[in-house]
ModelCIF file with pLDDT and N, C-alpha, C, O atoms, coordinates in Angstrom:
data_MODEL
#
_entry.id   MODEL 
#
_entity.id                         1 
_entity.type                       polymer 
_entity.pdbx_number_of_molecules   1 
#
_entity_poly.entity_id                      1 
_entity_poly.type                           'polypeptide(L)' 
_entity_poly.nstd_linkage                   no 
_entity_poly.nstd_monomer                   no 
_entity_poly.pdbx_seq_one_letter_code       GNAAPLASLMGIAGLVELIGGLLIALGFLTSYAAFIASGQMAVAYFKA 
_entity_poly.pdbx_seq_one_letter_code_can   GNAAPLASLMGIAGLVELIGGLLIALGFLTSYAAFIASGQMAVAYFKA 
_entity_poly.pdbx_strand_id                 A 
#
loop_
_entity_poly_seq.entity_id 
_entity_poly_seq.num 
_entity_poly_seq.mon_id 
_entity_poly_seq.hetero 
1 1  GLY n 
1 2  ASN n 
1 3  ALA n 
1 4  ALA n 
1 5  PRO n 
1 6  LEU n 
1 7  ALA n 
1 8  SER n 
1 9  LEU n 
1 10 MET n 
1 11 GLY n 
1 12 ILE n 
1 13 ALA n 
1 14 GLY n 
1 15 LEU n 
1 16 VAL n 
1 17 GLU n 
1 18 LEU n 
1 19 ILE n 
1 20 GLY n 
1 21 GLY n 
1 22 LEU n 
1 23 LEU n 
1 24 ILE n 
1 25 ALA n 
1 26 LEU n 
1 27 GLY n 
1 28 PHE n 
1 29 LEU n 
1 30 THR n 
1 31 SER n 
1 32 TYR n 
1 33 ALA n 
1 34 ALA n 
1 35 PHE n 
1 36 ILE n 
1 37 ALA n 
1 38 SER n 
1 39 GLY n 
1 40 GLN n 
1 41 MET n 
1 42 ALA n 
1 43 VAL n 
1 44 ALA n 
1 45 TYR n 
1 46 PHE n 
1 47 LYS n 
1 48 ALA n 
#
_struct_asym.id          A 
_struct_asym.entity_id   1 
#
loop_
_ma_qa_metric.id 
_ma_qa_metric.mode 
_ma_qa_metric.name 
_ma_qa_metric.software_group_id 
_ma_qa_metric.type 
1 global pLDDT . pLDDT 
2 local  pLDDT . pLDDT 
#
_ma_qa_metric_global.metric_id      1 
_ma_qa_metric_global.metric_value   96.96 
_ma_qa_metric_global.model_id       1 
_ma_qa_metric_global.ordinal_id     1 
#
loop_
_ma_qa_metric_local.label_asym_id 
_ma_qa_metric_local.label_comp_id 
_ma_qa_metric_local.label_seq_id 
_ma_qa_metric_local.metric_id 
_ma_qa_metric_local.metric_value 
_ma_qa_metric_local.model_id 
_ma_qa_metric_local.ordinal_id 
A GLY 1  2 85.00 1 1  
A ASN 2  2 91.00 1 2  
A ALA 3  2 95.00 1 3  
A ALA 4  2 95.00 1 4  
A PRO 5  2 96.00 1 5  
A LEU 6  2 95.00 1 6  
A ALA 7  2 96.00 1 7  
A SER 8  2 96.00 1 8  
A LEU 9  2 95.00 1 9  
A MET 10 2 96.00 1 10 
A GLY 11 2 97.00 1 11 
A ILE 12 2 97.00 1 12 
A ALA 13 2 97.00 1 13 
A GLY 14 2 97.00 1 14 
A LEU 15 2 98.00 1 15 
A VAL 16 2 98.00 1 16 
A GLU 17 2 98.00 1 17 
A LEU 18 2 98.00 1 18 
A ILE 19 2 98.00 1 19 
A GLY 20 2 98.00 1 20 
A GLY 21 2 98.00 1 21 
A LEU 22 2 98.00 1 22 
A LEU 23 2 98.00 1 23 
A ILE 24 2 98.00 1 24 
A ALA 25 2 98.00 1 25 
A LEU 26 2 98.00 1 26 
A GLY 27 2 98.00 1 27 
A PHE 28 2 98.00 1 28 
A LEU 29 2 98.00 1 29 
A THR 30 2 98.00 1 30 
A SER 31 2 98.00 1 31 
A TYR 32 2 98.00 1 32 
A ALA 33 2 98.00 1 33 
A ALA 34 2 98.00 1 34 
A PHE 35 2 98.00 1 35 
A ILE 36 2 98.00 1 36 
A ALA 37 2 98.00 1 37 
A SER 38 2 98.00 1 38 
A GLY 39 2 98.00 1 39 
A GLN 40 2 98.00 1 40 
A MET 41 2 98.00 1 41 
A ALA 42 2 98.00 1 42 
A VAL 43 2 98.00 1 43 
A ALA 44 2 97.00 1 44 
A TYR 45 2 98.00 1 45 
A PHE 46 2 97.00 1 46 
A LYS 47 2 96.00 1 47 
A ALA 48 2 96.00 1 48 
#
loop_
_atom_site.group_PDB 
_atom_site.id 
_atom_site.type_symbol 
_atom_site.label_atom_id 
_atom_site.label_alt_id 
_atom_site.label_comp_id 
_atom_site.label_asym_id 
_atom_site.label_entity_id 
_atom_site.label_seq_id 
_atom_site.pdbx_PDB_ins_code 
_atom_site.Cartn_x 
_atom_site.Cartn_y 
_atom_site.Cartn_z 
_atom_site.occupancy 
_atom_site.B_iso_or_equiv 
_atom_site.pdbx_formal_charge 
_atom_site.auth_seq_id 
_atom_site.auth_comp_id 
_atom_site.auth_asym_id 
_atom_site.auth_atom_id 
_atom_site.pdbx_PDB_model_num 
ATOM 1   N N  . GLY A 1 1  ? -177.131 52.928 -162.772 1.00 85.00 ? 1  GLY A N  1 
ATOM 2   C CA . GLY A 1 1  ? -178.206 52.580 -163.724 1.00 85.00 ? 1  GLY A CA 1 
ATOM 3   C C  . GLY A 1 1  ? -179.130 53.501 -163.989 1.00 85.00 ? 1  GLY A C  1 
ATOM 4   O O  . GLY A 1 1  ? -178.876 54.670 -163.700 1.00 85.00 ? 1  GLY A O  1 
ATOM 5   N N  . ASN A 1 2  ? -180.508 53.123 -164.652 1.00 91.00 ? 2  ASN A N  1 
ATOM 6   C CA . ASN A 1 2  ? -181.352 54.247 -164.777 1.00 91.00 ? 2  ASN A CA 1 
ATOM 7   C C  . ASN A 1 2  ? -182.691 53.767 -164.388 1.00 91.00 ? 2  ASN A C  1 
ATOM 8   O O  . ASN A 1 2  ? -183.116 52.700 -164.829 1.00 91.00 ? 2  ASN A O  1 
ATOM 9   N N  . ALA A 1 3  ? -183.290 54.414 -163.680 1.00 95.00 ? 3  ALA A N  1 
ATOM 10  C CA . ALA A 1 3  ? -184.669 54.027 -163.096 1.00 95.00 ? 3  ALA A CA 1 
ATOM 11  C C  . ALA A 1 3  ? -185.611 53.856 -164.164 1.00 95.00 ? 3  ALA A C  1 
ATOM 12  O O  . ALA A 1 3  ? -185.633 54.781 -164.976 1.00 95.00 ? 3  ALA A O  1 
ATOM 13  N N  . ALA A 1 4  ? -186.460 52.814 -164.377 1.00 95.00 ? 4  ALA A N  1 
ATOM 14  C CA . ALA A 1 4  ? -187.395 52.139 -165.237 1.00 95.00 ? 4  ALA A CA 1 
ATOM 15  C C  . ALA A 1 4  ? -188.912 52.788 -164.840 1.00 95.00 ? 4  ALA A C  1 
ATOM 16  O O  . ALA A 1 4  ? -189.077 52.996 -163.638 1.00 95.00 ? 4  ALA A O  1 
ATOM 17  N N  . PRO A 1 5  ? -190.007 53.116 -165.731 1.00 96.00 ? 5  PRO A N  1 
ATOM 18  C CA . PRO A 1 5  ? -190.998 53.575 -164.975 1.00 96.00 ? 5  PRO A CA 1 
ATOM 19  C C  . PRO A 1 5  ? -191.647 52.423 -164.380 1.00 96.00 ? 5  PRO A C  1 
ATOM 20  O O  . PRO A 1 5  ? -191.480 51.381 -165.014 1.00 96.00 ? 5  PRO A O  1 
ATOM 21  N N  . LEU A 1 6  ? -192.308 52.347 -163.380 1.00 95.00 ? 6  LEU A N  1 
ATOM 22  C CA . LEU A 1 6  ? -192.707 51.285 -162.590 1.00 95.00 ? 6  LEU A CA 1 
ATOM 23  C C  . LEU A 1 6  ? -194.015 50.504 -163.546 1.00 95.00 ? 6  LEU A C  1 
ATOM 24  O O  . LEU A 1 6  ? -194.206 49.290 -163.479 1.00 95.00 ? 6  LEU A O  1 
ATOM 25  N N  . ALA A 1 7  ? -194.666 51.231 -164.232 1.00 96.00 ? 7  ALA A N  1 
ATOM 26  C CA . ALA A 1 7  ? -195.573 50.487 -165.314 1.00 96.00 ? 7  ALA A CA 1 
ATOM 27  C C  . ALA A 1 7  ? -195.161 49.927 -166.678 1.00 96.00 ? 7  ALA A C  1 
ATOM 28  O O  . ALA A 1 7  ? -195.831 50.049 -167.703 1.00 96.00 ? 7  ALA A O  1 
ATOM 29  N N  . SER A 1 8  ? -193.851 49.229 -166.567 1.00 96.00 ? 8  SER A N  1 
ATOM 30  C CA . SER A 1 8  ? -193.013 48.909 -167.718 1.00 96.00 ? 8  SER A CA 1 
ATOM 31  C C  . SER A 1 8  ? -192.669 47.454 -167.047 1.00 96.00 ? 8  SER A C  1 
ATOM 32  O O  . SER A 1 8  ? -192.798 47.069 -165.885 1.00 96.00 ? 8  SER A O  1 
ATOM 33  N N  . LEU A 1 9  ? -192.199 46.813 -168.182 1.00 95.00 ? 9  LEU A N  1 
ATOM 34  C CA . LEU A 1 9  ? -191.831 45.314 -168.118 1.00 95.00 ? 9  LEU A CA 1 
ATOM 35  C C  . LEU A 1 9  ? -190.234 45.448 -166.943 1.00 95.00 ? 9  LEU A C  1 
ATOM 36  O O  . LEU A 1 9  ? -189.848 44.692 -166.052 1.00 95.00 ? 9  LEU A O  1 
ATOM 37  N N  . MET A 1 10 ? -189.835 46.344 -167.312 1.00 96.00 ? 10 MET A N  1 
ATOM 38  C CA . MET A 1 10 ? -188.426 46.669 -166.385 1.00 96.00 ? 10 MET A CA 1 
ATOM 39  C C  . MET A 1 10 ? -188.685 46.993 -164.841 1.00 96.00 ? 10 MET A C  1 
ATOM 40  O O  . MET A 1 10 ? -188.078 46.595 -163.846 1.00 96.00 ? 10 MET A O  1 
ATOM 41  N N  . GLY A 1 11 ? -189.723 47.800 -164.959 1.00 97.00 ? 11 GLY A N  1 
ATOM 42  C CA . GLY A 1 11 ? -190.167 48.298 -163.364 1.00 97.00 ? 11 GLY A CA 1 
ATOM 43  C C  . GLY A 1 11 ? -190.853 47.142 -162.718 1.00 97.00 ? 11 GLY A C  1 
ATOM 44  O O  . GLY A 1 11 ? -190.593 46.866 -161.546 1.00 97.00 ? 11 GLY A O  1 
ATOM 45  N N  . ILE A 1 12 ? -191.819 46.366 -163.497 1.00 97.00 ? 12 ILE A N  1 
ATOM 46  C CA . ILE A 1 12 ? -192.055 45.046 -162.984 1.00 97.00 ? 12 ILE A CA 1 
ATOM 47  C C  . ILE A 1 12 ? -190.877 44.096 -162.410 1.00 97.00 ? 12 ILE A C  1 
ATOM 48  O O  . ILE A 1 12 ? -190.934 43.586 -161.291 1.00 97.00 ? 12 ILE A O  1 
ATOM 49  N N  . ALA A 1 13 ? -189.971 43.948 -163.174 1.00 97.00 ? 13 ALA A N  1 
ATOM 50  C CA . ALA A 1 13 ? -189.081 43.052 -163.060 1.00 97.00 ? 13 ALA A CA 1 
ATOM 51  C C  . ALA A 1 13 ? -188.392 43.775 -161.840 1.00 97.00 ? 13 ALA A C  1 
ATOM 52  O O  . ALA A 1 13 ? -188.040 43.072 -160.892 1.00 97.00 ? 13 ALA A O  1 
ATOM 53  N N  . GLY A 1 14 ? -188.199 44.996 -161.808 1.00 97.00 ? 14 GLY A N  1 
ATOM 54  C CA . GLY A 1 14 ? -187.085 45.485 -160.491 1.00 97.00 ? 14 GLY A CA 1 
ATOM 55  C C  . GLY A 1 14 ? -187.863 45.230 -159.256 1.00 97.00 ? 14 GLY A C  1 
ATOM 56  O O  . GLY A 1 14 ? -187.265 44.964 -158.213 1.00 97.00 ? 14 GLY A O  1 
ATOM 57  N N  . LEU A 1 15 ? -189.305 45.299 -159.309 1.00 98.00 ? 15 LEU A N  1 
ATOM 58  C CA . LEU A 1 15 ? -190.070 45.257 -158.003 1.00 98.00 ? 15 LEU A CA 1 
ATOM 59  C C  . LEU A 1 15 ? -189.804 43.532 -157.704 1.00 98.00 ? 15 LEU A C  1 
ATOM 60  O O  . LEU A 1 15 ? -189.386 43.206 -156.592 1.00 98.00 ? 15 LEU A O  1 
ATOM 61  N N  . VAL A 1 16 ? -190.042 42.590 -158.642 1.00 98.00 ? 16 VAL A N  1 
ATOM 62  C CA . VAL A 1 16 ? -189.699 41.220 -158.411 1.00 98.00 ? 16 VAL A CA 1 
ATOM 63  C C  . VAL A 1 16 ? -188.278 41.185 -157.650 1.00 98.00 ? 16 VAL A C  1 
ATOM 64  O O  . VAL A 1 16 ? -188.140 40.616 -156.566 1.00 98.00 ? 16 VAL A O  1 
ATOM 65  N N  . GLU A 1 17 ? -187.266 41.832 -158.309 1.00 98.00 ? 17 GLU A N  1 
ATOM 66  C CA . GLU A 1 17 ? -185.744 41.445 -158.012 1.00 98.00 ? 17 GLU A CA 1 
ATOM 67  C C  . GLU A 1 17 ? -185.696 42.294 -156.610 1.00 98.00 ? 17 GLU A C  1 
ATOM 68  O O  . GLU A 1 17 ? -185.038 41.689 -155.764 1.00 98.00 ? 17 GLU A O  1 
ATOM 69  N N  . LEU A 1 18 ? -186.198 43.478 -156.175 1.00 98.00 ? 18 LEU A N  1 
ATOM 70  C CA . LEU A 1 18 ? -186.032 44.060 -154.981 1.00 98.00 ? 18 LEU A CA 1 
ATOM 71  C C  . LEU A 1 18 ? -186.852 43.174 -154.112 1.00 98.00 ? 18 LEU A C  1 
ATOM 72  O O  . LEU A 1 18 ? -186.219 42.319 -153.493 1.00 98.00 ? 18 LEU A O  1 
ATOM 73  N N  . ILE A 1 19 ? -188.162 43.217 -153.946 1.00 98.00 ? 19 ILE A N  1 
ATOM 74  C CA . ILE A 1 19 ? -188.947 42.480 -153.100 1.00 98.00 ? 19 ILE A CA 1 
ATOM 75  C C  . ILE A 1 19 ? -188.204 41.118 -152.759 1.00 98.00 ? 19 ILE A C  1 
ATOM 76  O O  . ILE A 1 19 ? -187.708 40.834 -151.668 1.00 98.00 ? 19 ILE A O  1 
ATOM 77  N N  . GLY A 1 20 ? -188.230 40.117 -154.208 1.00 98.00 ? 20 GLY A N  1 
ATOM 78  C CA . GLY A 1 20 ? -187.797 39.014 -154.036 1.00 98.00 ? 20 GLY A CA 1 
ATOM 79  C C  . GLY A 1 20 ? -186.536 38.828 -153.432 1.00 98.00 ? 20 GLY A C  1 
ATOM 80  O O  . GLY A 1 20 ? -186.324 37.937 -152.610 1.00 98.00 ? 20 GLY A O  1 
ATOM 81  N N  . GLY A 1 21 ? -185.573 39.757 -153.871 1.00 98.00 ? 21 GLY A N  1 
ATOM 82  C CA . GLY A 1 21 ? -184.435 39.576 -153.079 1.00 98.00 ? 21 GLY A CA 1 
ATOM 83  C C  . GLY A 1 21 ? -184.282 39.914 -151.661 1.00 98.00 ? 21 GLY A C  1 
ATOM 84  O O  . GLY A 1 21 ? -183.375 39.308 -151.090 1.00 98.00 ? 21 GLY A O  1 
ATOM 85  N N  . LEU A 1 22 ? -184.963 40.745 -150.965 1.00 98.00 ? 22 LEU A N  1 
ATOM 86  C CA . LEU A 1 22 ? -185.093 40.935 -149.543 1.00 98.00 ? 22 LEU A CA 1 
ATOM 87  C C  . LEU A 1 22 ? -185.687 39.632 -148.926 1.00 98.00 ? 22 LEU A C  1 
ATOM 88  O O  . LEU A 1 22 ? -185.150 38.936 -148.064 1.00 98.00 ? 22 LEU A O  1 
ATOM 89  N N  . LEU A 1 23 ? -186.891 39.432 -149.526 1.00 98.00 ? 23 LEU A N  1 
ATOM 90  C CA . LEU A 1 23 ? -187.419 38.013 -148.834 1.00 98.00 ? 23 LEU A CA 1 
ATOM 91  C C  . LEU A 1 23 ? -186.412 37.015 -148.766 1.00 98.00 ? 23 LEU A C  1 
ATOM 92  O O  . LEU A 1 23 ? -186.058 36.644 -147.647 1.00 98.00 ? 23 LEU A O  1 
ATOM 93  N N  . ILE A 1 24 ? -185.732 36.368 -150.086 1.00 98.00 ? 24 ILE A N  1 
ATOM 94  C CA . ILE A 1 24 ? -184.781 35.369 -150.185 1.00 98.00 ? 24 ILE A CA 1 
ATOM 95  C C  . ILE A 1 24 ? -183.704 35.745 -149.173 1.00 98.00 ? 24 ILE A C  1 
ATOM 96  O O  . ILE A 1 24 ? -183.281 34.868 -148.420 1.00 98.00 ? 24 ILE A O  1 
ATOM 97  N N  . ALA A 1 25 ? -183.218 37.029 -149.103 1.00 98.00 ? 25 ALA A N  1 
ATOM 98  C CA . ALA A 1 25 ? -181.954 37.499 -148.162 1.00 98.00 ? 25 ALA A CA 1 
ATOM 99  C C  . ALA A 1 25 ? -182.397 37.332 -146.491 1.00 98.00 ? 25 ALA A C  1 
ATOM 100 O O  . ALA A 1 25 ? -181.570 36.933 -145.671 1.00 98.00 ? 25 ALA A O  1 
ATOM 101 N N  . LEU A 1 26 ? -183.912 37.718 -146.076 1.00 98.00 ? 26 LEU A N  1 
ATOM 102 C CA . LEU A 1 26 ? -184.334 37.639 -144.778 1.00 98.00 ? 26 LEU A CA 1 
ATOM 103 C C  . LEU A 1 26 ? -184.766 36.368 -144.386 1.00 98.00 ? 26 LEU A C  1 
ATOM 104 O O  . LEU A 1 26 ? -184.997 36.152 -143.196 1.00 98.00 ? 26 LEU A O  1 
ATOM 105 N N  . GLY A 1 27 ? -184.919 35.401 -145.333 1.00 98.00 ? 27 GLY A N  1 
ATOM 106 C CA . GLY A 1 27 ? -185.395 34.158 -145.482 1.00 98.00 ? 27 GLY A CA 1 
ATOM 107 C C  . GLY A 1 27 ? -186.828 34.110 -144.977 1.00 98.00 ? 27 GLY A C  1 
ATOM 108 O O  . GLY A 1 27 ? -187.167 33.394 -144.034 1.00 98.00 ? 27 GLY A O  1 
ATOM 109 N N  . PHE A 1 28 ? -187.561 34.816 -145.573 1.00 98.00 ? 28 PHE A N  1 
ATOM 110 C CA . PHE A 1 28 ? -189.084 34.882 -145.377 1.00 98.00 ? 28 PHE A CA 1 
ATOM 111 C C  . PHE A 1 28 ? -189.867 34.650 -146.540 1.00 98.00 ? 28 PHE A C  1 
ATOM 112 O O  . PHE A 1 28 ? -189.908 35.412 -147.505 1.00 98.00 ? 28 PHE A O  1 
ATOM 113 N N  . LEU A 1 29 ? -190.702 33.213 -146.389 1.00 98.00 ? 29 LEU A N  1 
ATOM 114 C CA . LEU A 1 29 ? -191.553 32.979 -147.573 1.00 98.00 ? 29 LEU A CA 1 
ATOM 115 C C  . LEU A 1 29 ? -190.297 32.965 -148.783 1.00 98.00 ? 29 LEU A C  1 
ATOM 116 O O  . LEU A 1 29 ? -190.215 33.608 -149.829 1.00 98.00 ? 29 LEU A O  1 
ATOM 117 N N  . THR A 1 30 ? -189.409 31.995 -148.198 1.00 98.00 ? 30 THR A N  1 
ATOM 118 C CA . THR A 1 30 ? -188.084 31.807 -149.300 1.00 98.00 ? 30 THR A CA 1 
ATOM 119 C C  . THR A 1 30 ? -188.556 31.052 -150.555 1.00 98.00 ? 30 THR A C  1 
ATOM 120 O O  . THR A 1 30 ? -188.297 31.416 -151.702 1.00 98.00 ? 30 THR A O  1 
ATOM 121 N N  . SER A 1 31 ? -189.217 30.051 -150.249 1.00 98.00 ? 31 SER A N  1 
ATOM 122 C CA . SER A 1 31 ? -189.436 29.052 -151.194 1.00 98.00 ? 31 SER A CA 1 
ATOM 123 C C  . SER A 1 31 ? -190.115 29.576 -152.493 1.00 98.00 ? 31 SER A C  1 
ATOM 124 O O  . SER A 1 31 ? -189.794 29.296 -153.648 1.00 98.00 ? 31 SER A O  1 
ATOM 125 N N  . TYR A 1 32 ? -191.070 30.351 -152.094 1.00 98.00 ? 32 TYR A N  1 
ATOM 126 C CA . TYR A 1 32 ? -192.075 31.097 -152.997 1.00 98.00 ? 32 TYR A CA 1 
ATOM 127 C C  . TYR A 1 32 ? -191.341 32.435 -153.729 1.00 98.00 ? 32 TYR A C  1 
ATOM 128 O O  . TYR A 1 32 ? -191.411 32.676 -154.934 1.00 98.00 ? 32 TYR A O  1 
ATOM 129 N N  . ALA A 1 33 ? -190.758 33.092 -152.920 1.00 98.00 ? 33 ALA A N  1 
ATOM 130 C CA . ALA A 1 33 ? -189.704 34.230 -153.526 1.00 98.00 ? 33 ALA A CA 1 
ATOM 131 C C  . ALA A 1 33 ? -188.649 33.779 -154.606 1.00 98.00 ? 33 ALA A C  1 
ATOM 132 O O  . ALA A 1 33 ? -188.425 34.310 -155.694 1.00 98.00 ? 33 ALA A O  1 
ATOM 133 N N  . ALA A 1 34 ? -188.010 32.587 -154.003 1.00 98.00 ? 34 ALA A N  1 
ATOM 134 C CA . ALA A 1 34 ? -187.268 32.081 -154.978 1.00 98.00 ? 34 ALA A CA 1 
ATOM 135 C C  . ALA A 1 34 ? -187.604 31.603 -156.273 1.00 98.00 ? 34 ALA A C  1 
ATOM 136 O O  . ALA A 1 34 ? -186.881 31.698 -157.264 1.00 98.00 ? 34 ALA A O  1 
ATOM 137 N N  . PHE A 1 35 ? -189.086 30.924 -156.207 1.00 98.00 ? 35 PHE A N  1 
ATOM 138 C CA . PHE A 1 35 ? -189.395 30.341 -157.355 1.00 98.00 ? 35 PHE A CA 1 
ATOM 139 C C  . PHE A 1 35 ? -189.875 31.339 -158.147 1.00 98.00 ? 35 PHE A C  1 
ATOM 140 O O  . PHE A 1 35 ? -189.691 31.236 -159.360 1.00 98.00 ? 35 PHE A O  1 
ATOM 141 N N  . ILE A 1 36 ? -190.500 32.361 -157.675 1.00 98.00 ? 36 ILE A N  1 
ATOM 142 C CA . ILE A 1 36 ? -190.988 33.318 -158.718 1.00 98.00 ? 36 ILE A CA 1 
ATOM 143 C C  . ILE A 1 36 ? -189.485 34.220 -159.363 1.00 98.00 ? 36 ILE A C  1 
ATOM 144 O O  . ILE A 1 36 ? -189.349 34.484 -160.558 1.00 98.00 ? 36 ILE A O  1 
ATOM 145 N N  . ALA A 1 37 ? -188.577 34.548 -158.400 1.00 98.00 ? 37 ALA A N  1 
ATOM 146 C CA . ALA A 1 37 ? -187.425 35.065 -159.152 1.00 98.00 ? 37 ALA A CA 1 
ATOM 147 C C  . ALA A 1 37 ? -186.579 33.885 -159.847 1.00 98.00 ? 37 ALA A C  1 
ATOM 148 O O  . ALA A 1 37 ? -185.695 34.424 -160.514 1.00 98.00 ? 37 ALA A O  1 
ATOM 149 N N  . SER A 1 38 ? -186.513 32.570 -159.943 1.00 98.00 ? 38 SER A N  1 
ATOM 150 C CA . SER A 1 38 ? -185.989 31.943 -160.788 1.00 98.00 ? 38 SER A CA 1 
ATOM 151 C C  . SER A 1 38 ? -186.748 31.793 -162.436 1.00 98.00 ? 38 SER A C  1 
ATOM 152 O O  . SER A 1 38 ? -186.219 31.612 -163.533 1.00 98.00 ? 38 SER A O  1 
ATOM 153 N N  . GLY A 1 39 ? -187.924 31.927 -162.113 1.00 98.00 ? 39 GLY A N  1 
ATOM 154 C CA . GLY A 1 39 ? -188.778 32.014 -163.091 1.00 98.00 ? 39 GLY A CA 1 
ATOM 155 C C  . GLY A 1 39 ? -188.391 33.297 -164.136 1.00 98.00 ? 39 GLY A C  1 
ATOM 156 O O  . GLY A 1 39 ? -188.028 33.166 -165.305 1.00 98.00 ? 39 GLY A O  1 
ATOM 157 N N  . GLN A 1 40 ? -188.557 34.495 -163.441 1.00 98.00 ? 40 GLN A N  1 
ATOM 158 C CA . GLN A 1 40 ? -188.048 35.830 -163.703 1.00 98.00 ? 40 GLN A CA 1 
ATOM 159 C C  . GLN A 1 40 ? -186.801 35.536 -164.623 1.00 98.00 ? 40 GLN A C  1 
ATOM 160 O O  . GLN A 1 40 ? -186.729 35.778 -165.828 1.00 98.00 ? 40 GLN A O  1 
ATOM 161 N N  . MET A 1 41 ? -185.865 34.989 -163.850 1.00 98.00 ? 41 MET A N  1 
ATOM 162 C CA . MET A 1 41 ? -184.606 34.965 -164.729 1.00 98.00 ? 41 MET A CA 1 
ATOM 163 C C  . MET A 1 41 ? -184.807 34.246 -165.674 1.00 98.00 ? 41 MET A C  1 
ATOM 164 O O  . MET A 1 41 ? -184.227 34.658 -166.678 1.00 98.00 ? 41 MET A O  1 
ATOM 165 N N  . ALA A 1 42 ? -185.625 32.939 -165.886 1.00 98.00 ? 42 ALA A N  1 
ATOM 166 C CA . ALA A 1 42 ? -185.759 32.258 -167.048 1.00 98.00 ? 42 ALA A CA 1 
ATOM 167 C C  . ALA A 1 42 ? -186.160 33.176 -168.204 1.00 98.00 ? 42 ALA A C  1 
ATOM 168 O O  . ALA A 1 42 ? -185.580 33.269 -169.286 1.00 98.00 ? 42 ALA A O  1 
ATOM 169 N N  . VAL A 1 43 ? -187.333 33.890 -167.764 1.00 98.00 ? 43 VAL A N  1 
ATOM 170 C CA . VAL A 1 43 ? -187.949 34.591 -168.782 1.00 98.00 ? 43 VAL A CA 1 
ATOM 171 C C  . VAL A 1 43 ? -187.243 35.751 -169.490 1.00 98.00 ? 43 VAL A C  1 
ATOM 172 O O  . VAL A 1 43 ? -187.540 36.178 -170.605 1.00 98.00 ? 43 VAL A O  1 
ATOM 173 N N  . ALA A 1 44 ? -185.942 36.355 -168.424 1.00 97.00 ? 44 ALA A N  1 
ATOM 174 C CA . ALA A 1 44 ? -185.017 37.399 -168.763 1.00 97.00 ? 44 ALA A CA 1 
ATOM 175 C C  . ALA A 1 44 ? -184.162 36.750 -169.746 1.00 97.00 ? 44 ALA A C  1 
ATOM 176 O O  . ALA A 1 44 ? -183.881 37.403 -170.751 1.00 97.00 ? 44 ALA A O  1 
ATOM 177 N N  . TYR A 1 45 ? -183.611 35.337 -169.596 1.00 98.00 ? 45 TYR A N  1 
ATOM 178 C CA . TYR A 1 45 ? -182.777 35.253 -170.393 1.00 98.00 ? 45 TYR A CA 1 
ATOM 179 C C  . TYR A 1 45 ? -183.147 34.622 -171.680 1.00 98.00 ? 45 TYR A C  1 
ATOM 180 O O  . TYR A 1 45 ? -182.266 34.429 -172.517 1.00 98.00 ? 45 TYR A O  1 
ATOM 181 N N  . PHE A 1 46 ? -184.707 34.192 -171.972 1.00 97.00 ? 46 PHE A N  1 
ATOM 182 C CA . PHE A 1 46 ? -185.056 33.896 -173.264 1.00 97.00 ? 46 PHE A CA 1 
ATOM 183 C C  . PHE A 1 46 ? -185.494 34.954 -174.040 1.00 97.00 ? 46 PHE A C  1 
ATOM 184 O O  . PHE A 1 46 ? -185.423 34.935 -175.269 1.00 97.00 ? 46 PHE A O  1 
ATOM 185 N N  . LYS A 1 47 ? -186.069 36.136 -173.218 1.00 96.00 ? 47 LYS A N  1 
ATOM 186 C CA . LYS A 1 47 ? -186.516 37.272 -173.538 1.00 96.00 ? 47 LYS A CA 1 
ATOM 187 C C  . LYS A 1 47 ? -185.267 38.158 -174.211 1.00 96.00 ? 47 LYS A C  1 
ATOM 188 O O  . LYS A 1 47 ? -185.250 38.635 -175.346 1.00 96.00 ? 47 LYS A O  1 
ATOM 189 N N  . ALA A 1 48 ? -184.344 38.232 -173.302 1.00 96.00 ? 48 ALA A N  1 
ATOM 190 C CA . ALA A 1 48 ? -183.260 39.510 -173.582 1.00 96.00 ? 48 ALA A CA 1 
ATOM 191 C C  . ALA A 1 48 ? -182.279 38.762 -174.283 1.00 96.00 ? 48 ALA A C  1 
ATOM 192 O O  . ALA A 1 48 ? -181.261 39.315 -174.699 1.00 96.00 ? 48 ALA A O  1 
#
């Protein structure tokens, strides 16, 4: 892949995916992380 600038929409998406994915995998604050990740994927679908 290609690294996106952190201060961009793709950079923010990358942060949500990396941090949220790790929180979900570890099972820490899972419901919150999964809800945010779900919303991000809904936005990604309708935007892209």
